[in-house]
């Protein structure tokens, strides 16, 4: 009998650990996205300080872009056993495929929640 939400039996695929190369690629991708986000925030802040008040409207856009890029990475981290075989998030084609699968699963779900099996 299951004890809670996290008590999931997935059979032989329940190892749940990312391969070291996949984990390293995931950390590098998240680091790159974070650096781009921080640099973008600094540039936007400098534009606002130097008299471009309209640039303030770019803060929400860069924040949404950062979140949109990081959500598939979080789903991959939480559900590594459901990732496509040989998925490397540092390759743009693999990353876009992961984004399409993740956001497609969100669109198909009725409750707005997804699980690894939905991917």
Protein backbone atom coordinates (compact mmCIF):
# COMPACT_ATOMS: atom_id res chain seq x y z
CA UNK A 1 0.00 0.00 0.00
CA UNK A 2 1.51 3.37 -0.98
CA UNK A 3 2.40 5.69 1.87
CA UNK A 4 2.34 8.97 -0.01
CA UNK A 5 2.94 10.86 -3.20
CA UNK A 6 6.66 10.13 -3.34
CA UNK A 7 6.24 6.41 -2.66
CA UNK A 8 6.09 5.31 -6.28
CA UNK A 9 7.02 1.86 -7.53
CA UNK A 10 8.28 2.01 -11.09
CA UNK A 11 9.53 -1.53 -11.34
CA UNK A 12 12.99 -2.16 -12.76
CA UNK A 13 13.44 1.46 -13.85
CA UNK A 14 13.25 2.74 -10.28
CA UNK A 15 16.97 3.46 -10.01
CA UNK A 16 16.18 7.16 -10.28
CA UNK A 17 19.76 8.34 -10.63
CA UNK A 18 20.99 10.45 -13.50
CA UNK A 19 24.04 9.16 -15.33
CA UNK A 20 27.09 11.21 -14.42
CA UNK A 21 27.42 12.71 -17.91
CA UNK A 22 23.71 13.58 -17.97
CA UNK A 23 23.93 15.08 -14.48
CA UNK A 24 27.00 17.14 -15.44
CA UNK A 25 25.31 18.40 -18.61
CA UNK A 26 22.25 19.35 -16.56
CA UNK A 27 24.35 21.31 -14.05
CA UNK A 28 26.25 23.08 -16.84
CA UNK A 29 23.00 24.00 -18.64
CA UNK A 30 21.45 25.35 -15.45
CA UNK A 31 24.63 27.31 -14.71
CA UNK A 32 24.66 28.82 -18.20
CA UNK A 33 20.98 29.82 -17.96
CA UNK A 34 21.59 31.37 -14.54
CA UNK A 35 24.61 33.37 -15.74
CA UNK A 36 22.66 34.63 -18.76
CA UNK A 37 19.75 35.60 -16.48
CA UNK A 38 22.00 37.50 -14.05
CA UNK A 39 23.89 39.30 -16.81
CA UNK A 40 20.58 40.18 -18.48
CA UNK A 41 19.26 41.61 -15.20
CA UNK A 42 22.40 43.69 -14.75
CA UNK A 43 22.20 45.03 -18.31
CA UNK A 44 18.51 45.90 -17.92
CA UNK A 45 19.24 47.59 -14.59
CA UNK A 46 21.98 49.67 -16.20
CA UNK A 47 19.61 50.69 -19.00
CA UNK A 48 17.04 51.83 -16.45
CA UNK A 49 19.67 53.73 -14.43
CA UNK A 50 20.95 55.51 -17.53
CA UNK A 51 17.58 56.90 -18.53
CA UNK A 52 15.75 54.17 -20.41
CA UNK A 53 12.65 53.73 -18.21
CA UNK A 54 10.96 51.50 -20.77
CA UNK A 55 13.69 48.91 -20.22
CA UNK A 56 12.12 48.17 -16.84
CA UNK A 57 9.44 46.21 -18.69
CA UNK A 58 12.12 43.71 -19.77
CA UNK A 59 12.55 42.37 -16.22
CA UNK A 60 9.41 40.19 -16.35
CA UNK A 61 10.32 38.97 -19.84
CA UNK A 62 13.78 37.81 -18.83
CA UNK A 63 12.35 36.20 -15.69
CA UNK A 64 9.73 34.28 -17.67
CA UNK A 65 12.38 33.17 -20.16
CA UNK A 66 14.60 31.91 -17.35
CA UNK A 67 11.75 29.96 -15.77
CA UNK A 68 10.65 28.57 -19.12
CA UNK A 69 14.18 27.29 -19.74
CA UNK A 70 14.63 25.86 -16.23
CA UNK A 71 11.31 23.99 -15.85
CA UNK A 72 12.27 21.21 -18.31
CA UNK A 73 15.61 20.87 -16.52
CA UNK A 74 13.79 20.48 -13.21
CA UNK A 75 11.49 17.87 -14.68
CA UNK A 76 14.52 15.98 -16.02
CA UNK A 77 16.20 16.18 -12.60
CA UNK A 78 13.08 14.91 -10.82
CA UNK A 79 12.28 12.14 -13.33
CA UNK A 80 15.59 10.95 -14.82
CA UNK A 81 14.30 7.48 -15.59
CA UNK A 82 11.67 8.94 -17.95
CA UNK A 83 14.13 10.99 -19.99
CA UNK A 84 14.78 10.03 -23.59
CA UNK A 85 17.71 7.66 -23.98
CA UNK A 86 20.95 9.58 -24.60
CA UNK A 87 19.38 12.98 -23.89
CA UNK A 88 22.06 15.66 -23.57
CA UNK A 89 20.60 19.04 -22.62
CA UNK A 90 23.70 20.81 -23.93
CA UNK A 91 22.68 19.88 -27.47
CA UNK A 92 20.07 22.38 -28.69
CA UNK A 93 18.07 19.68 -30.51
CA UNK A 94 17.86 17.50 -27.37
CA UNK A 95 16.99 20.50 -25.20
CA UNK A 96 14.22 21.62 -27.56
CA UNK A 97 12.90 18.05 -27.66
CA UNK A 98 12.86 17.97 -23.85
CA UNK A 99 11.04 21.34 -23.78
CA UNK A 100 8.47 20.10 -26.31
CA UNK A 101 7.86 16.92 -24.31
CA UNK A 102 7.62 18.79 -20.99
CA UNK A 103 5.30 21.56 -22.16
CA UNK A 104 3.30 19.08 -24.25
CA UNK A 105 2.74 17.02 -21.10
CA UNK A 106 1.58 20.18 -19.29
CA UNK A 107 -0.83 20.95 -22.13
CA UNK A 108 -2.26 17.41 -22.14
CA UNK A 109 -2.75 17.20 -18.38
CA UNK A 110 -6.16 18.07 -17.02
CA UNK A 111 -4.94 19.11 -13.57
CA UNK A 112 -1.89 21.14 -14.64
CA UNK A 113 0.44 18.65 -12.97
CA UNK A 114 2.71 16.19 -14.69
CA UNK A 115 4.55 13.08 -13.63
CA UNK A 116 7.45 11.35 -15.26
CA UNK A 117 5.15 8.85 -16.96
CA UNK A 118 3.48 11.77 -18.80
CA UNK A 119 6.69 12.52 -20.64
